[in-house]
Amino acid sequence: MQKLDPKKVPGSKDITLEDGTIVSIRRPKVVDQLGVSHINNAGEREVTLIANLTMKTFDEIKELWSSDYALLRDQLESFLSPKKES
């Protein structure tokens, strides 16, 4: 699977971490979700998906402060939630 640069994908978001570091996360495709579906542990599956979407390593994501990880996880959940029409 080819890695897509999150800065070049429409709809990507920049997330500012507590230390001021900016991490770009792109919208996931179905192939991204399928690519991690073999991982049985839900936590490791999510960390791997976020790592893939940000072009970071599993270990880089794993070492984030929980509050910074929550920002990335919240953005992932936003990407996966259907948009409601008003």
N, C-alpha and C. Protein backbone atom coordinates (compact mmCIF):
# COMPACT_ATOMS: atom_id res chain seq x y z
N MET A 1 0.84 -1.18 0.00
CA MET A 1 0.00 0.00 0.00
C MET A 1 0.88 1.24 0.00
N GLN A 2 0.61 2.16 -0.91
CA GLN A 2 1.38 3.38 -1.03
C GLN A 2 0.98 4.34 0.09
N LYS A 3 1.98 4.95 0.73
CA LYS A 3 1.69 5.94 1.77
C LYS A 3 1.42 7.28 1.12
N LEU A 4 0.34 7.91 1.56
CA LEU A 4 -0.03 9.22 1.04
C LEU A 4 0.44 10.29 2.01
N ASP A 5 1.07 11.33 1.49
CA ASP A 5 1.51 12.44 2.32
C ASP A 5 0.28 13.20 2.79
N PRO A 6 0.06 13.26 4.13
CA PRO A 6 -1.15 13.92 4.62
C PRO A 6 -1.23 15.39 4.25
N LYS A 7 -0.11 16.03 3.99
CA LYS A 7 -0.14 17.45 3.64
C LYS A 7 -0.67 17.67 2.22
N LYS A 8 -0.73 16.61 1.41
CA LYS A 8 -1.15 16.75 0.02
C LYS A 8 -2.54 16.16 -0.25
N VAL A 9 -3.21 15.68 0.79
CA VAL A 9 -4.51 15.06 0.62
C VAL A 9 -5.59 16.06 1.02
N PRO A 10 -6.54 16.35 0.12
CA PRO A 10 -7.61 17.27 0.49
C PRO A 10 -8.35 16.78 1.74
N GLY A 11 -8.67 17.70 2.62
CA GLY A 11 -9.39 17.35 3.83
C GLY A 11 -8.50 16.96 4.98
N SER A 12 -7.18 16.98 4.77
CA SER A 12 -6.25 16.67 5.87
C SER A 12 -6.33 17.78 6.90
N LYS A 13 -5.96 17.44 8.11
CA LYS A 13 -5.99 18.42 9.20
C LYS A 13 -4.64 18.49 9.89
N ASP A 14 -4.26 19.69 10.27
CA ASP A 14 -3.06 19.89 11.08
C ASP A 14 -3.48 19.94 12.54
N ILE A 15 -2.82 19.13 13.36
CA ILE A 15 -3.10 19.06 14.79
C ILE A 15 -1.88 19.60 15.52
N THR A 16 -2.08 20.57 16.40
CA THR A 16 -0.99 21.13 17.19
C THR A 16 -0.93 20.41 18.53
N LEU A 17 0.20 19.76 18.76
CA LEU A 17 0.41 19.03 20.01
C LEU A 17 0.81 20.00 21.11
N GLU A 18 0.79 19.51 22.33
CA GLU A 18 1.07 20.34 23.51
C GLU A 18 2.40 21.08 23.43
N ASP A 19 3.41 20.44 22.83
CA ASP A 19 4.73 21.07 22.73
C ASP A 19 4.88 21.99 21.52
N GLY A 20 3.79 22.19 20.77
CA GLY A 20 3.82 23.06 19.61
C GLY A 20 4.09 22.35 18.30
N THR A 21 4.43 21.08 18.36
CA THR A 21 4.66 20.29 17.14
C THR A 21 3.35 20.17 16.37
N ILE A 22 3.43 20.34 15.07
CA ILE A 22 2.25 20.20 14.21
C ILE A 22 2.33 18.86 13.50
N VAL A 23 1.27 18.07 13.65
CA VAL A 23 1.18 16.77 13.00
C VAL A 23 0.00 16.82 12.04
N SER A 24 0.26 16.48 10.78
CA SER A 24 -0.81 16.43 9.78
C SER A 24 -1.38 15.02 9.75
N ILE A 25 -2.70 14.93 9.73
CA ILE A 25 -3.38 13.64 9.64
C ILE A 25 -4.35 13.72 8.45
N ARG A 26 -4.30 12.71 7.61
CA ARG A 26 -5.18 12.70 6.44
C ARG A 26 -6.40 11.83 6.70
N ARG A 27 -7.41 12.04 5.87
CA ARG A 27 -8.62 11.23 5.95
C ARG A 27 -8.28 9.80 5.57
N PRO A 28 -8.83 8.83 6.29
CA PRO A 28 -8.56 7.43 5.94
C PRO A 28 -9.41 6.97 4.77
N LYS A 29 -8.84 6.08 4.00
CA LYS A 29 -9.58 5.38 2.95
C LYS A 29 -9.93 4.00 3.49
N VAL A 30 -10.85 3.33 2.84
CA VAL A 30 -11.22 1.98 3.24
C VAL A 30 -9.99 1.09 3.25
N VAL A 31 -9.10 1.25 2.29
CA VAL A 31 -7.89 0.43 2.22
C VAL A 31 -7.02 0.61 3.46
N ASP A 32 -7.05 1.80 4.06
CA ASP A 32 -6.30 2.03 5.30
C ASP A 32 -6.88 1.18 6.43
N GLN A 33 -8.20 1.16 6.51
CA GLN A 33 -8.85 0.38 7.56
C GLN A 33 -8.64 -1.12 7.33
N LEU A 34 -8.71 -1.55 6.08
CA LEU A 34 -8.45 -2.96 5.78
C LEU A 34 -7.01 -3.33 6.08
N GLY A 35 -6.11 -2.39 5.88
CA GLY A 35 -4.69 -2.64 6.11
C GLY A 35 -4.34 -2.91 7.57
N VAL A 36 -5.21 -2.52 8.49
CA VAL A 36 -4.94 -2.78 9.91
C VAL A 36 -5.94 -3.77 10.51
N SER A 37 -6.84 -4.28 9.69
CA SER A 37 -7.90 -5.16 10.20
C SER A 37 -7.37 -6.48 10.75
N HIS A 38 -6.17 -6.87 10.36
CA HIS A 38 -5.59 -8.12 10.85
C HIS A 38 -5.05 -8.01 12.28
N ILE A 39 -4.96 -6.78 12.80
CA ILE A 39 -4.43 -6.56 14.15
C ILE A 39 -5.56 -6.81 15.15
N ASN A 40 -5.39 -7.81 15.99
CA ASN A 40 -6.45 -8.21 16.92
C ASN A 40 -6.65 -7.22 18.06
N ASN A 41 -5.58 -6.65 18.58
CA ASN A 41 -5.68 -5.72 19.69
C ASN A 41 -6.19 -4.37 19.19
N ALA A 42 -7.36 -3.95 19.69
CA ALA A 42 -8.00 -2.72 19.20
C ALA A 42 -7.12 -1.49 19.40
N GLY A 43 -6.41 -1.41 20.53
CA GLY A 43 -5.54 -0.27 20.79
C GLY A 43 -4.39 -0.20 19.80
N GLU A 44 -3.75 -1.34 19.56
CA GLU A 44 -2.65 -1.38 18.60
C GLU A 44 -3.14 -1.11 17.19
N ARG A 45 -4.34 -1.58 16.87
CA ARG A 45 -4.93 -1.32 15.55
C ARG A 45 -5.11 0.18 15.35
N GLU A 46 -5.65 0.87 16.37
CA GLU A 46 -5.88 2.31 16.26
C GLU A 46 -4.57 3.08 16.17
N VAL A 47 -3.58 2.72 17.00
CA VAL A 47 -2.28 3.39 16.96
C VAL A 47 -1.64 3.21 15.58
N THR A 48 -1.72 2.01 15.04
CA THR A 48 -1.15 1.73 13.72
C THR A 48 -1.85 2.54 12.64
N LEU A 49 -3.18 2.62 12.71
CA LEU A 49 -3.92 3.41 11.72
C LEU A 49 -3.53 4.88 11.81
N ILE A 50 -3.47 5.41 13.02
CA ILE A 50 -3.08 6.83 13.17
C ILE A 50 -1.65 7.04 12.69
N ALA A 51 -0.76 6.11 12.99
CA ALA A 51 0.62 6.22 12.50
C ALA A 51 0.64 6.27 10.97
N ASN A 52 -0.12 5.40 10.33
CA ASN A 52 -0.17 5.39 8.87
C ASN A 52 -0.73 6.69 8.31
N LEU A 53 -1.74 7.24 8.95
CA LEU A 53 -2.40 8.45 8.45
C LEU A 53 -1.57 9.71 8.68
N THR A 54 -0.62 9.64 9.60
CA THR A 54 0.23 10.79 9.89
C THR A 54 1.65 10.65 9.35
N MET A 55 1.97 9.49 8.77
CA MET A 55 3.31 9.18 8.30
C MET A 55 4.33 9.18 9.44
N LYS A 56 3.86 8.80 10.62
CA LYS A 56 4.72 8.62 11.78
C LYS A 56 4.87 7.12 12.01
N THR A 57 5.82 6.74 12.85
CA THR A 57 5.97 5.33 13.17
C THR A 57 5.04 4.95 14.31
N PHE A 58 4.82 3.66 14.45
CA PHE A 58 4.03 3.14 15.56
C PHE A 58 4.63 3.62 16.87
N ASP A 59 5.96 3.53 16.99
CA ASP A 59 6.63 3.93 18.23
C ASP A 59 6.50 5.43 18.50
N GLU A 60 6.54 6.25 17.46
CA GLU A 60 6.37 7.70 17.66
C GLU A 60 4.97 8.00 18.21
N ILE A 61 3.96 7.36 17.68
CA ILE A 61 2.60 7.58 18.18
C ILE A 61 2.46 7.01 19.58
N LYS A 62 3.01 5.85 19.81
CA LYS A 62 2.93 5.19 21.12
C LYS A 62 3.55 6.04 22.22
N GLU A 63 4.56 6.84 21.90
CA GLU A 63 5.26 7.64 22.90
C GLU A 63 4.65 9.03 23.13
N LEU A 64 3.57 9.35 22.44
CA LEU A 64 2.91 10.64 22.65
C LEU A 64 2.29 10.70 24.04
N TRP A 65 2.15 11.90 24.56
CA TRP A 65 1.36 12.09 25.77
C TRP A 65 -0.07 11.72 25.44
N SER A 66 -0.77 11.19 26.41
CA SER A 66 -2.15 10.75 26.18
C SER A 66 -3.04 11.89 25.69
N SER A 67 -2.81 13.10 26.19
CA SER A 67 -3.62 14.24 25.75
C SER A 67 -3.38 14.56 24.27
N ASP A 68 -2.14 14.41 23.80
CA ASP A 68 -1.83 14.63 22.38
C ASP A 68 -2.42 13.52 21.53
N TYR A 69 -2.32 12.28 22.02
CA TYR A 69 -2.90 11.15 21.30
C TYR A 69 -4.41 11.34 21.17
N ALA A 70 -5.04 11.84 22.22
CA ALA A 70 -6.49 12.07 22.19
C ALA A 70 -6.88 13.06 21.10
N LEU A 71 -6.05 14.06 20.85
CA LEU A 71 -6.33 15.01 19.77
C LEU A 71 -6.36 14.30 18.41
N LEU A 72 -5.38 13.42 18.18
CA LEU A 72 -5.32 12.68 16.92
C LEU A 72 -6.47 11.68 16.82
N ARG A 73 -6.77 11.01 17.92
CA ARG A 73 -7.87 10.04 17.94
C ARG A 73 -9.20 10.74 17.68
N ASP A 74 -9.41 11.91 18.29
CA ASP A 74 -10.64 12.66 18.07
C ASP A 74 -10.78 13.07 16.61
N GLN A 75 -9.66 13.45 15.98
CA GLN A 75 -9.73 13.83 14.56
C GLN A 75 -10.05 12.60 13.70
N LEU A 76 -9.45 11.46 14.03
CA LEU A 76 -9.76 10.24 13.30
C LEU A 76 -11.25 9.92 13.42
N GLU A 77 -11.79 10.01 14.62
CA GLU A 77 -13.21 9.74 14.83
C GLU A 77 -14.07 10.71 14.03
N SER A 78 -13.64 11.96 13.95
CA SER A 78 -14.37 12.96 13.16
C SER A 78 -14.36 12.58 11.68
N PHE A 79 -13.20 12.11 11.20
CA PHE A 79 -13.12 11.67 9.80
C PHE A 79 -14.06 10.50 9.52
N LEU A 80 -14.22 9.62 10.50
CA LEU A 80 -15.01 8.40 10.31
C LEU A 80 -16.50 8.60 10.54
N SER A 81 -16.87 9.73 11.15
CA SER A 81 -18.28 9.98 11.44
C SER A 81 -18.96 10.59 10.21
N PRO A 82 -20.16 10.10 9.88
CA PRO A 82 -20.88 10.70 8.76
C PRO A 82 -21.27 12.14 9.10
N LYS A 83 -21.20 12.98 8.12
CA LYS A 83 -21.57 14.37 8.30
C LYS A 83 -23.10 14.48 8.29
N LYS A 84 -23.65 15.15 9.28
CA LYS A 84 -25.09 15.32 9.36
C LYS A 84 -25.51 16.56 8.60
N GLU A 85 -26.56 16.43 7.83
CA GLU A 85 -27.09 17.57 7.10
C GLU A 85 -28.02 18.33 8.01
N SER A 86 -27.97 19.67 7.94
CA SER A 86 -28.85 20.46 8.79
C SER A 86 -29.89 21.18 7.97
